[in-house]
């Protein structure tokens, strides 16, 4: 969609051959691809698709790095049981501090899905606005359902439908709780 369709030039040249008229296309500048400009709506679509691809590659890279960390985490070093216990505790505390599962399981896949969905709807809008509206409605309904389920899981953490979004919301609520308490006591 960002470059001219070579089939347009081929069809124009074939039509000229069938008609037997050699005067309609005098130079390469007369071909349909010579004055092609991509639709302005395709630039943000390509940027969003590129961002989606970047997040997908980043997710794959970080999962490979995390796998290496887990191999190192499970690897036992020499020494007695006390030394191994201290090493295990140090590694576990490091993993809890960095929280790689929050980024790998919750944030990056969510961003990837949202960015891809937005770019897909925008791309469909350039091709068929009515199909874009249907697709946006379905995606919006799914998003509302997922967000509602995550909110329900945030209220009661023993619910069976936990999701990465509910984990992210619980983490955010836990971090913001002191701010809410301070605001309530201030009021």
N, C-alpha and C. Protein backbone atom coordinates (compact mmCIF):
# COMPACT_ATOMS: atom_id res chain seq x y z
N UNK A 1 0.81 -1.19 0.00
CA UNK A 1 0.00 0.00 0.00
C UNK A 1 0.85 1.26 0.00
N UNK A 2 2.13 1.10 0.28
CA UNK A 2 3.01 2.27 0.28
C UNK A 2 3.71 2.45 -1.05
N UNK A 3 3.56 1.51 -1.98
CA UNK A 3 4.17 1.65 -3.30
C UNK A 3 3.12 1.34 -4.36
N UNK A 4 3.42 1.74 -5.57
CA UNK A 4 2.48 1.55 -6.67
C UNK A 4 2.32 0.07 -6.99
N UNK A 5 1.14 -0.28 -7.45
CA UNK A 5 0.86 -1.66 -7.84
C UNK A 5 1.36 -1.88 -9.27
N UNK A 6 2.32 -2.78 -9.46
CA UNK A 6 2.83 -2.99 -10.82
C UNK A 6 1.78 -3.57 -11.76
N UNK A 7 0.74 -4.16 -11.22
CA UNK A 7 -0.32 -4.70 -12.08
C UNK A 7 -1.05 -3.58 -12.82
N UNK A 8 -1.11 -2.39 -12.23
CA UNK A 8 -1.76 -1.27 -12.92
C UNK A 8 -1.01 -0.90 -14.20
N UNK A 9 0.32 -0.88 -14.11
CA UNK A 9 1.11 -0.58 -15.31
C UNK A 9 0.94 -1.68 -16.36
N UNK A 10 0.98 -2.92 -15.91
CA UNK A 10 0.83 -4.05 -16.83
C UNK A 10 -0.52 -4.00 -17.53
N UNK A 11 -1.59 -3.75 -16.75
CA UNK A 11 -2.92 -3.68 -17.34
C UNK A 11 -3.04 -2.54 -18.34
N UNK A 12 -2.43 -1.41 -18.04
CA UNK A 12 -2.47 -0.27 -18.97
C UNK A 12 -1.74 -0.60 -20.27
N UNK A 13 -0.56 -1.23 -20.13
CA UNK A 13 0.20 -1.60 -21.34
C UNK A 13 -0.52 -2.67 -22.14
N UNK A 14 -1.14 -3.64 -21.47
CA UNK A 14 -1.89 -4.67 -22.19
C UNK A 14 -3.10 -4.08 -22.91
N UNK A 15 -3.77 -3.14 -22.24
CA UNK A 15 -4.91 -2.49 -22.88
C UNK A 15 -4.46 -1.72 -24.12
N UNK A 16 -3.31 -1.10 -24.04
CA UNK A 16 -2.78 -0.37 -25.20
C UNK A 16 -2.46 -1.34 -26.34
N UNK A 17 -1.91 -2.51 -26.00
CA UNK A 17 -1.62 -3.51 -27.04
C UNK A 17 -2.89 -4.05 -27.67
N UNK A 18 -3.91 -4.30 -26.85
CA UNK A 18 -5.16 -4.85 -27.38
C UNK A 18 -5.85 -3.85 -28.29
N UNK A 19 -5.83 -2.58 -27.90
CA UNK A 19 -6.46 -1.55 -28.72
C UNK A 19 -5.66 -1.27 -29.99
N UNK A 20 -4.37 -1.57 -29.92
CA UNK A 20 -3.53 -1.27 -31.07
C UNK A 20 -3.20 0.20 -31.17
N UNK A 21 -3.41 0.94 -30.09
CA UNK A 21 -3.16 2.38 -30.07
C UNK A 21 -1.80 2.63 -29.42
N UNK A 22 -0.86 3.14 -30.17
CA UNK A 22 0.47 3.39 -29.65
C UNK A 22 0.68 4.83 -29.20
N UNK A 23 -0.35 5.64 -29.25
CA UNK A 23 -0.16 7.06 -28.95
C UNK A 23 -0.54 7.44 -27.52
N UNK A 24 -1.25 6.56 -26.80
CA UNK A 24 -1.73 6.97 -25.47
C UNK A 24 -0.62 6.99 -24.42
N UNK A 25 0.39 6.14 -24.54
CA UNK A 25 1.50 6.12 -23.58
C UNK A 25 2.77 6.40 -24.36
N UNK A 26 3.22 7.63 -24.26
CA UNK A 26 4.40 8.03 -25.01
C UNK A 26 5.68 7.82 -24.22
N UNK A 27 5.59 7.90 -22.87
CA UNK A 27 6.79 7.75 -22.04
C UNK A 27 6.42 7.03 -20.75
N UNK A 28 7.46 6.77 -19.95
CA UNK A 28 7.24 6.09 -18.67
C UNK A 28 6.43 6.98 -17.72
N UNK A 29 6.50 8.28 -17.90
CA UNK A 29 5.74 9.20 -17.06
C UNK A 29 4.24 9.11 -17.26
N UNK A 30 3.81 8.49 -18.34
CA UNK A 30 2.37 8.34 -18.60
C UNK A 30 1.76 7.13 -17.91
N UNK A 31 2.59 6.26 -17.34
CA UNK A 31 2.07 5.07 -16.66
C UNK A 31 1.42 5.47 -15.33
N UNK A 32 0.45 4.67 -14.86
CA UNK A 32 -0.23 5.01 -13.60
C UNK A 32 0.70 5.06 -12.38
N UNK A 33 1.79 4.30 -12.40
CA UNK A 33 2.68 4.30 -11.25
C UNK A 33 3.56 5.54 -11.16
N UNK A 34 3.61 6.33 -12.23
CA UNK A 34 4.47 7.51 -12.23
C UNK A 34 3.98 8.59 -11.28
N UNK A 35 2.69 8.73 -11.13
CA UNK A 35 2.15 9.76 -10.26
C UNK A 35 1.47 9.17 -9.02
N UNK A 36 1.94 8.01 -8.59
CA UNK A 36 1.36 7.35 -7.41
C UNK A 36 1.86 8.02 -6.13
N UNK A 37 0.94 8.28 -5.23
CA UNK A 37 1.28 8.70 -3.86
C UNK A 37 0.45 7.84 -2.91
N UNK A 38 1.07 7.31 -1.86
CA UNK A 38 0.31 6.46 -0.94
C UNK A 38 -0.71 7.29 -0.15
N UNK A 39 -1.80 6.67 0.27
CA UNK A 39 -2.78 7.40 1.08
C UNK A 39 -2.15 7.86 2.39
N UNK A 40 -2.54 9.03 2.84
CA UNK A 40 -1.94 9.59 4.06
C UNK A 40 -2.25 8.74 5.29
N UNK A 41 -3.32 7.99 5.28
CA UNK A 41 -3.68 7.15 6.43
C UNK A 41 -2.77 5.93 6.56
N UNK A 42 -2.00 5.63 5.52
CA UNK A 42 -1.15 4.43 5.58
C UNK A 42 0.13 4.67 6.38
N UNK A 43 0.55 5.92 6.55
CA UNK A 43 1.76 6.18 7.33
C UNK A 43 1.59 5.78 8.79
N UNK A 44 0.50 6.20 9.48
CA UNK A 44 0.35 5.74 10.87
C UNK A 44 0.14 4.23 10.97
N UNK A 45 -0.51 3.63 9.97
CA UNK A 45 -0.71 2.18 10.00
C UNK A 45 0.64 1.48 9.94
N UNK A 46 1.50 1.92 9.04
CA UNK A 46 2.82 1.30 8.94
C UNK A 46 3.65 1.54 10.20
N UNK A 47 3.53 2.72 10.81
CA UNK A 47 4.24 2.97 12.06
C UNK A 47 3.73 2.06 13.18
N UNK A 48 2.41 1.88 13.26
CA UNK A 48 1.86 1.00 14.29
C UNK A 48 2.23 -0.45 14.04
N UNK A 49 2.20 -0.88 12.79
CA UNK A 49 2.63 -2.25 12.49
C UNK A 49 4.11 -2.44 12.84
N UNK A 50 4.92 -1.43 12.57
CA UNK A 50 6.34 -1.52 12.93
C UNK A 50 6.52 -1.55 14.44
N UNK A 51 5.73 -0.76 15.16
CA UNK A 51 5.80 -0.80 16.63
C UNK A 51 5.35 -2.16 17.16
N UNK A 52 4.32 -2.72 16.55
CA UNK A 52 3.85 -4.05 16.95
C UNK A 52 4.93 -5.11 16.71
N UNK A 53 5.57 -5.04 15.56
CA UNK A 53 6.67 -5.97 15.27
C UNK A 53 7.83 -5.76 16.24
N UNK A 54 8.12 -4.51 16.57
CA UNK A 54 9.20 -4.23 17.52
C UNK A 54 8.90 -4.83 18.88
N UNK A 55 7.66 -4.68 19.36
CA UNK A 55 7.29 -5.26 20.64
C UNK A 55 7.32 -6.78 20.59
N UNK A 56 6.95 -7.37 19.45
CA UNK A 56 7.01 -8.83 19.33
C UNK A 56 8.46 -9.31 19.41
N UNK A 57 9.35 -8.61 18.70
CA UNK A 57 10.77 -8.98 18.74
C UNK A 57 11.36 -8.75 20.13
N UNK A 58 10.96 -7.67 20.79
CA UNK A 58 11.43 -7.38 22.14
C UNK A 58 10.95 -8.45 23.11
N UNK A 59 9.71 -8.89 22.95
CA UNK A 59 9.19 -9.96 23.80
C UNK A 59 9.98 -11.25 23.60
N UNK A 60 10.27 -11.58 22.35
CA UNK A 60 11.04 -12.80 22.08
C UNK A 60 12.45 -12.69 22.66
N UNK A 61 13.07 -11.52 22.50
CA UNK A 61 14.42 -11.34 23.04
C UNK A 61 14.42 -11.43 24.56
N UNK A 62 13.49 -10.75 25.20
CA UNK A 62 13.44 -10.78 26.66
C UNK A 62 13.09 -12.16 27.20
N UNK A 63 12.27 -12.91 26.48
CA UNK A 63 11.97 -14.26 26.95
C UNK A 63 13.20 -15.16 26.83
N UNK A 64 14.01 -14.96 25.78
CA UNK A 64 15.25 -15.74 25.67
C UNK A 64 16.24 -15.36 26.77
N UNK A 65 16.34 -14.07 27.06
CA UNK A 65 17.23 -13.64 28.15
C UNK A 65 16.72 -14.16 29.49
N UNK A 66 15.42 -14.13 29.70
CA UNK A 66 14.85 -14.65 30.95
C UNK A 66 15.08 -16.14 31.09
N UNK A 67 15.02 -16.85 29.97
CA UNK A 67 15.31 -18.28 30.01
C UNK A 67 16.75 -18.53 30.45
N UNK A 68 17.66 -17.70 29.96
CA UNK A 68 19.05 -17.81 30.41
C UNK A 68 19.18 -17.50 31.90
N UNK A 69 18.43 -16.51 32.37
CA UNK A 69 18.45 -16.19 33.79
C UNK A 69 17.93 -17.35 34.62
N UNK A 70 16.87 -18.01 34.13
CA UNK A 70 16.31 -19.14 34.87
C UNK A 70 17.28 -20.31 34.91
N UNK A 71 18.00 -20.53 33.82
CA UNK A 71 19.01 -21.60 33.83
C UNK A 71 20.09 -21.28 34.86
N UNK A 72 20.51 -20.03 34.91
CA UNK A 72 21.50 -19.63 35.90
C UNK A 72 20.91 -19.71 37.31
N UNK A 73 19.64 -19.38 37.43
CA UNK A 73 18.97 -19.40 38.73
C UNK A 73 18.90 -20.83 39.29
N UNK A 74 18.66 -21.80 38.42
CA UNK A 74 18.54 -23.19 38.87
C UNK A 74 19.89 -23.87 39.06
N UNK A 75 20.92 -23.32 38.43
CA UNK A 75 22.24 -23.95 38.48
C UNK A 75 22.79 -23.87 39.89
N UNK A 76 23.25 -24.97 40.38
CA UNK A 76 23.80 -25.02 41.73
C UNK A 76 25.30 -24.76 41.66
N UNK A 77 25.75 -24.00 42.64
CA UNK A 77 27.18 -23.75 42.73
C UNK A 77 27.77 -24.66 43.79
N UNK A 78 29.07 -24.68 43.85
CA UNK A 78 29.72 -25.54 44.84
C UNK A 78 29.53 -25.01 46.25
N UNK A 79 30.04 -25.74 47.20
CA UNK A 79 29.92 -25.34 48.60
C UNK A 79 28.93 -26.22 49.33
N UNK A 80 28.82 -25.94 50.59
CA UNK A 80 27.93 -26.73 51.44
C UNK A 80 26.48 -26.28 51.33
N UNK A 81 25.62 -26.93 52.10
CA UNK A 81 24.19 -26.58 52.06
C UNK A 81 23.92 -25.14 52.50
N UNK A 82 24.67 -24.62 53.45
CA UNK A 82 24.46 -23.24 53.89
C UNK A 82 24.79 -22.25 52.77
N UNK A 83 25.89 -22.47 52.09
CA UNK A 83 26.29 -21.59 50.99
C UNK A 83 25.26 -21.65 49.86
N UNK A 84 24.82 -22.87 49.52
CA UNK A 84 23.84 -23.02 48.45
C UNK A 84 22.51 -22.37 48.83
N UNK A 85 22.14 -22.47 50.11
CA UNK A 85 20.91 -21.83 50.58
C UNK A 85 20.99 -20.32 50.47
N UNK A 86 22.14 -19.74 50.83
CA UNK A 86 22.30 -18.28 50.70
C UNK A 86 22.26 -17.85 49.23
N UNK A 87 22.91 -18.62 48.37
CA UNK A 87 22.89 -18.30 46.94
C UNK A 87 21.46 -18.38 46.39
N UNK A 88 20.73 -19.41 46.78
CA UNK A 88 19.35 -19.57 46.32
C UNK A 88 18.48 -18.41 46.79
N UNK A 89 18.66 -18.00 48.06
CA UNK A 89 17.89 -16.88 48.60
C UNK A 89 18.25 -15.58 47.87
N UNK A 90 19.53 -15.37 47.60
CA UNK A 90 19.96 -14.17 46.89
C UNK A 90 19.35 -14.12 45.48
N UNK A 91 19.33 -15.24 44.80
CA UNK A 91 18.76 -15.28 43.46
C UNK A 91 17.25 -15.07 43.49
N UNK A 92 16.59 -15.65 44.47
CA UNK A 92 15.14 -15.48 44.58
C UNK A 92 14.77 -14.04 44.89
N UNK A 93 15.52 -13.40 45.78
CA UNK A 93 15.25 -12.00 46.09
C UNK A 93 15.51 -11.10 44.89
N UNK A 94 16.53 -11.42 44.11
CA UNK A 94 16.79 -10.66 42.89
C UNK A 94 15.65 -10.81 41.89
N UNK A 95 15.14 -12.04 41.74
CA UNK A 95 14.03 -12.27 40.81
C UNK A 95 12.77 -11.55 41.28
N UNK A 96 12.53 -11.51 42.59
CA UNK A 96 11.36 -10.80 43.10
C UNK A 96 11.51 -9.29 42.92
N UNK A 97 12.72 -8.79 43.05
CA UNK A 97 12.94 -7.36 42.91
C UNK A 97 12.75 -6.91 41.46
N UNK A 98 13.28 -7.67 40.51
CA UNK A 98 13.21 -7.26 39.11
C UNK A 98 11.87 -7.58 38.46
N UNK A 99 11.14 -8.55 38.96
CA UNK A 99 9.81 -8.95 38.47
C UNK A 99 9.76 -9.09 36.94
N UNK A 100 10.55 -10.01 36.37
CA UNK A 100 10.51 -10.14 34.90
C UNK A 100 9.18 -10.66 34.39
N UNK A 101 8.44 -11.41 35.22
CA UNK A 101 7.16 -11.94 34.74
C UNK A 101 6.16 -10.83 34.51
N UNK A 102 6.26 -9.72 35.24
CA UNK A 102 5.35 -8.60 35.03
C UNK A 102 5.53 -8.03 33.62
N UNK A 103 6.77 -7.87 33.21
CA UNK A 103 7.04 -7.31 31.89
C UNK A 103 6.74 -8.34 30.79
N UNK A 104 7.22 -9.58 30.98
CA UNK A 104 7.09 -10.58 29.92
C UNK A 104 5.68 -11.14 29.78
N UNK A 105 4.97 -11.31 30.89
CA UNK A 105 3.65 -11.92 30.82
C UNK A 105 2.52 -10.90 30.75
N UNK A 106 2.74 -9.71 31.27
CA UNK A 106 1.64 -8.77 31.40
C UNK A 106 1.76 -7.57 30.48
N UNK A 107 2.85 -6.85 30.54
CA UNK A 107 2.93 -5.55 29.87
C UNK A 107 3.18 -5.70 28.37
N UNK A 108 4.24 -6.40 27.96
CA UNK A 108 4.57 -6.47 26.53
C UNK A 108 3.49 -7.16 25.69
N UNK A 109 2.95 -8.32 26.10
CA UNK A 109 1.89 -8.91 25.26
C UNK A 109 0.65 -8.03 25.16
N UNK A 110 0.31 -7.35 26.25
CA UNK A 110 -0.84 -6.44 26.19
C UNK A 110 -0.62 -5.30 25.23
N UNK A 111 0.56 -4.67 25.32
CA UNK A 111 0.89 -3.59 24.38
C UNK A 111 0.88 -4.09 22.94
N UNK A 112 1.43 -5.27 22.75
CA UNK A 112 1.49 -5.85 21.42
C UNK A 112 0.09 -6.04 20.84
N UNK A 113 -0.84 -6.57 21.64
CA UNK A 113 -2.20 -6.79 21.16
C UNK A 113 -2.93 -5.49 20.89
N UNK A 114 -2.79 -4.53 21.77
CA UNK A 114 -3.49 -3.25 21.60
C UNK A 114 -2.98 -2.52 20.36
N UNK A 115 -1.66 -2.43 20.21
CA UNK A 115 -1.10 -1.71 19.06
C UNK A 115 -1.47 -2.41 17.75
N UNK A 116 -1.40 -3.73 17.72
CA UNK A 116 -1.75 -4.44 16.50
C UNK A 116 -3.23 -4.26 16.17
N UNK A 117 -4.10 -4.31 17.18
CA UNK A 117 -5.53 -4.14 16.93
C UNK A 117 -5.84 -2.76 16.39
N UNK A 118 -5.22 -1.74 16.96
CA UNK A 118 -5.45 -0.37 16.48
C UNK A 118 -4.98 -0.22 15.04
N UNK A 119 -3.78 -0.72 14.73
CA UNK A 119 -3.28 -0.59 13.36
C UNK A 119 -4.10 -1.42 12.39
N UNK A 120 -4.62 -2.56 12.83
CA UNK A 120 -5.46 -3.39 11.95
C UNK A 120 -6.77 -2.66 11.62
N UNK A 121 -7.38 -2.04 12.62
CA UNK A 121 -8.62 -1.31 12.37
C UNK A 121 -8.38 -0.11 11.46
N UNK A 122 -7.27 0.60 11.66
CA UNK A 122 -6.97 1.75 10.80
C UNK A 122 -6.70 1.29 9.36
N UNK A 123 -5.99 0.18 9.22
CA UNK A 123 -5.72 -0.37 7.88
C UNK A 123 -7.02 -0.78 7.20
N UNK A 124 -7.91 -1.44 7.96
CA UNK A 124 -9.20 -1.82 7.38
C UNK A 124 -10.03 -0.59 7.01
N UNK A 125 -9.88 0.49 7.77
CA UNK A 125 -10.65 1.70 7.47
C UNK A 125 -10.25 2.29 6.12
N UNK A 126 -8.98 2.17 5.75
CA UNK A 126 -8.57 2.67 4.44
C UNK A 126 -9.10 1.79 3.32
N UNK A 127 -9.32 0.50 3.61
CA UNK A 127 -9.83 -0.40 2.57
C UNK A 127 -11.35 -0.42 2.51
N UNK A 128 -11.99 -0.51 3.70
CA UNK A 128 -13.44 -0.59 3.76
C UNK A 128 -13.91 -0.03 5.10
N UNK A 129 -14.47 1.17 5.11
CA UNK A 129 -14.90 1.76 6.39
C UNK A 129 -15.96 0.94 7.12
N UNK A 130 -16.87 0.31 6.39
CA UNK A 130 -17.90 -0.48 7.07
C UNK A 130 -17.30 -1.72 7.73
N UNK A 131 -16.37 -2.38 7.06
CA UNK A 131 -15.70 -3.54 7.65
C UNK A 131 -14.85 -3.11 8.84
N UNK A 132 -14.28 -1.92 8.78
CA UNK A 132 -13.51 -1.37 9.88
C UNK A 132 -14.40 -1.15 11.10
N UNK A 133 -15.60 -0.65 10.89
CA UNK A 133 -16.52 -0.41 12.00
C UNK A 133 -16.91 -1.72 12.68
N UNK A 134 -17.18 -2.74 11.89
CA UNK A 134 -17.52 -4.05 12.46
C UNK A 134 -16.35 -4.61 13.26
N UNK A 135 -15.16 -4.52 12.69
CA UNK A 135 -13.97 -5.02 13.37
C UNK A 135 -13.69 -4.24 14.65
N UNK A 136 -13.85 -2.92 14.61
CA UNK A 136 -13.63 -2.10 15.81
C UNK A 136 -14.67 -2.42 16.88
N UNK A 137 -15.90 -2.68 16.47
CA UNK A 137 -16.94 -3.06 17.44
C UNK A 137 -16.63 -4.38 18.12
N UNK A 138 -16.19 -5.35 17.35
CA UNK A 138 -15.84 -6.65 17.92
C UNK A 138 -14.64 -6.52 18.85
N UNK A 139 -13.62 -5.79 18.41
CA UNK A 139 -12.43 -5.59 19.26
C UNK A 139 -12.77 -4.81 20.52
N UNK A 140 -13.62 -3.80 20.40
CA UNK A 140 -14.03 -3.02 21.56
C UNK A 140 -14.82 -3.85 22.56
N UNK A 141 -15.72 -4.68 22.05
CA UNK A 141 -16.49 -5.57 22.93
C UNK A 141 -15.56 -6.54 23.66
N UNK A 142 -14.61 -7.10 22.94
CA UNK A 142 -13.65 -8.00 23.58
C UNK A 142 -12.82 -7.28 24.63
N UNK A 143 -12.41 -6.05 24.33
CA UNK A 143 -11.62 -5.26 25.28
C UNK A 143 -12.43 -4.95 26.53
N UNK A 144 -13.69 -4.59 26.37
CA UNK A 144 -14.54 -4.32 27.54
C UNK A 144 -14.72 -5.57 28.37
N UNK A 145 -14.92 -6.72 27.72
CA UNK A 145 -15.07 -7.99 28.46
C UNK A 145 -13.80 -8.34 29.23
N UNK A 146 -12.64 -8.20 28.58
CA UNK A 146 -11.37 -8.52 29.24
C UNK A 146 -11.10 -7.58 30.41
N UNK A 147 -11.38 -6.30 30.21
CA UNK A 147 -11.15 -5.32 31.28
C UNK A 147 -12.12 -5.55 32.43
N UNK A 148 -13.37 -5.89 32.13
CA UNK A 148 -14.35 -6.19 33.18
C UNK A 148 -13.95 -7.43 33.98
N UNK A 149 -13.49 -8.46 33.30
CA UNK A 149 -13.04 -9.67 34.00
C UNK A 149 -11.83 -9.37 34.87
N UNK A 150 -10.94 -8.52 34.39
CA UNK A 150 -9.76 -8.16 35.19
C UNK A 150 -10.16 -7.36 36.42
N UNK A 151 -11.15 -6.46 36.27
CA UNK A 151 -11.63 -5.71 37.44
C UNK A 151 -12.27 -6.63 38.47
N UNK A 152 -13.06 -7.60 38.00
CA UNK A 152 -13.67 -8.56 38.93
C UNK A 152 -12.60 -9.37 39.65
N UNK A 153 -11.57 -9.76 38.95
CA UNK A 153 -10.49 -10.52 39.57
C UNK A 153 -9.69 -9.65 40.54
N UNK A 154 -9.69 -8.34 40.33
CA UNK A 154 -9.00 -7.44 41.25
C UNK A 154 -9.76 -7.32 42.56
N UNK A 155 -11.09 -7.30 42.48
CA UNK A 155 -11.89 -7.19 43.70
C UNK A 155 -11.77 -8.43 44.57
N UNK A 156 -11.79 -9.59 43.94
CA UNK A 156 -11.68 -10.84 44.69
C UNK A 156 -10.60 -11.68 44.04
N UNK A 157 -9.49 -11.81 44.71
CA UNK A 157 -8.31 -12.42 44.10
C UNK A 157 -8.38 -13.94 44.02
N UNK A 158 -9.39 -14.55 44.59
CA UNK A 158 -9.53 -16.01 44.52
C UNK A 158 -10.36 -16.45 43.32
N UNK A 159 -10.78 -15.51 42.50
CA UNK A 159 -11.59 -15.84 41.33
C UNK A 159 -10.77 -16.67 40.34
N UNK A 160 -11.41 -17.54 39.59
CA UNK A 160 -10.66 -18.42 38.68
C UNK A 160 -10.19 -17.74 37.40
N UNK A 161 -10.73 -16.61 37.03
CA UNK A 161 -10.35 -16.01 35.75
C UNK A 161 -9.32 -14.91 35.94
N UNK A 162 -8.17 -15.30 36.45
CA UNK A 162 -7.04 -14.39 36.55
C UNK A 162 -6.43 -14.21 35.16
N UNK A 163 -5.92 -13.02 34.92
CA UNK A 163 -5.30 -12.73 33.63
C UNK A 163 -4.10 -11.83 33.86
N UNK A 164 -3.27 -11.65 32.85
CA UNK A 164 -2.16 -10.71 33.01
C UNK A 164 -2.63 -9.30 33.35
N UNK A 165 -3.75 -8.88 32.79
CA UNK A 165 -4.27 -7.55 33.10
C UNK A 165 -4.71 -7.47 34.56
N UNK A 166 -5.33 -8.53 35.08
CA UNK A 166 -5.74 -8.49 36.49
C UNK A 166 -4.52 -8.46 37.41
N UNK A 167 -3.46 -9.16 37.03
CA UNK A 167 -2.23 -9.09 37.83
C UNK A 167 -1.65 -7.68 37.81
N UNK A 168 -1.68 -7.04 36.64
CA UNK A 168 -1.18 -5.67 36.53
C UNK A 168 -2.04 -4.71 37.32
N UNK A 169 -3.37 -4.89 37.28
CA UNK A 169 -4.25 -4.02 38.07
C UNK A 169 -4.04 -4.22 39.56
N UNK A 170 -3.88 -5.47 40.00
CA UNK A 170 -3.62 -5.74 41.42
C UNK A 170 -2.31 -5.10 41.84
N UNK A 171 -1.29 -5.22 41.02
CA UNK A 171 0.00 -4.62 41.33
C UNK A 171 -0.12 -3.10 41.44
N UNK A 172 -0.87 -2.48 40.52
CA UNK A 172 -1.05 -1.03 40.54
C UNK A 172 -1.84 -0.60 41.77
N UNK A 173 -2.90 -1.35 42.11
CA UNK A 173 -3.70 -1.01 43.29
C UNK A 173 -2.85 -1.12 44.55
N UNK A 174 -2.03 -2.15 44.64
CA UNK A 174 -1.17 -2.30 45.81
C UNK A 174 -0.17 -1.16 45.92
N UNK A 175 0.35 -0.69 44.80
CA UNK A 175 1.30 0.42 44.81
C UNK A 175 0.62 1.75 45.11
N UNK A 176 -0.63 1.90 44.70
CA UNK A 176 -1.33 3.17 44.87
C UNK A 176 -2.09 3.25 46.20
N UNK A 177 -2.22 2.15 46.92
CA UNK A 177 -2.99 2.13 48.17
C UNK A 177 -2.49 3.19 49.17
N UNK A 178 -1.18 3.37 49.41
CA UNK A 178 -0.76 4.43 50.33
C UNK A 178 -1.18 5.83 49.87
N UNK A 179 -1.21 6.06 48.57
CA UNK A 179 -1.65 7.36 48.07
C UNK A 179 -3.13 7.58 48.35
N UNK A 180 -3.94 6.53 48.15
CA UNK A 180 -5.38 6.63 48.41
C UNK A 180 -5.62 6.88 49.91
N UNK A 181 -4.90 6.17 50.76
CA UNK A 181 -5.05 6.34 52.20
C UNK A 181 -4.66 7.76 52.61
N UNK A 182 -3.58 8.27 52.05
CA UNK A 182 -3.12 9.63 52.36
C UNK A 182 -4.15 10.66 51.89
N UNK A 183 -4.76 10.46 50.73
CA UNK A 183 -5.77 11.38 50.24
C UNK A 183 -7.00 11.37 51.11
N UNK A 184 -7.41 10.19 51.57
CA UNK A 184 -8.60 10.08 52.41
C UNK A 184 -8.36 10.73 53.76
N UNK A 185 -7.20 10.50 54.36
CA UNK A 185 -6.91 11.11 55.66
C UNK A 185 -6.72 12.62 55.53
N UNK A 186 -6.26 13.10 54.38
CA UNK A 186 -6.09 14.53 54.16
C UNK A 186 -7.44 15.24 54.04
N UNK A 187 -8.39 14.55 53.41
CA UNK A 187 -9.72 15.12 53.20
C UNK A 187 -10.45 15.09 54.52
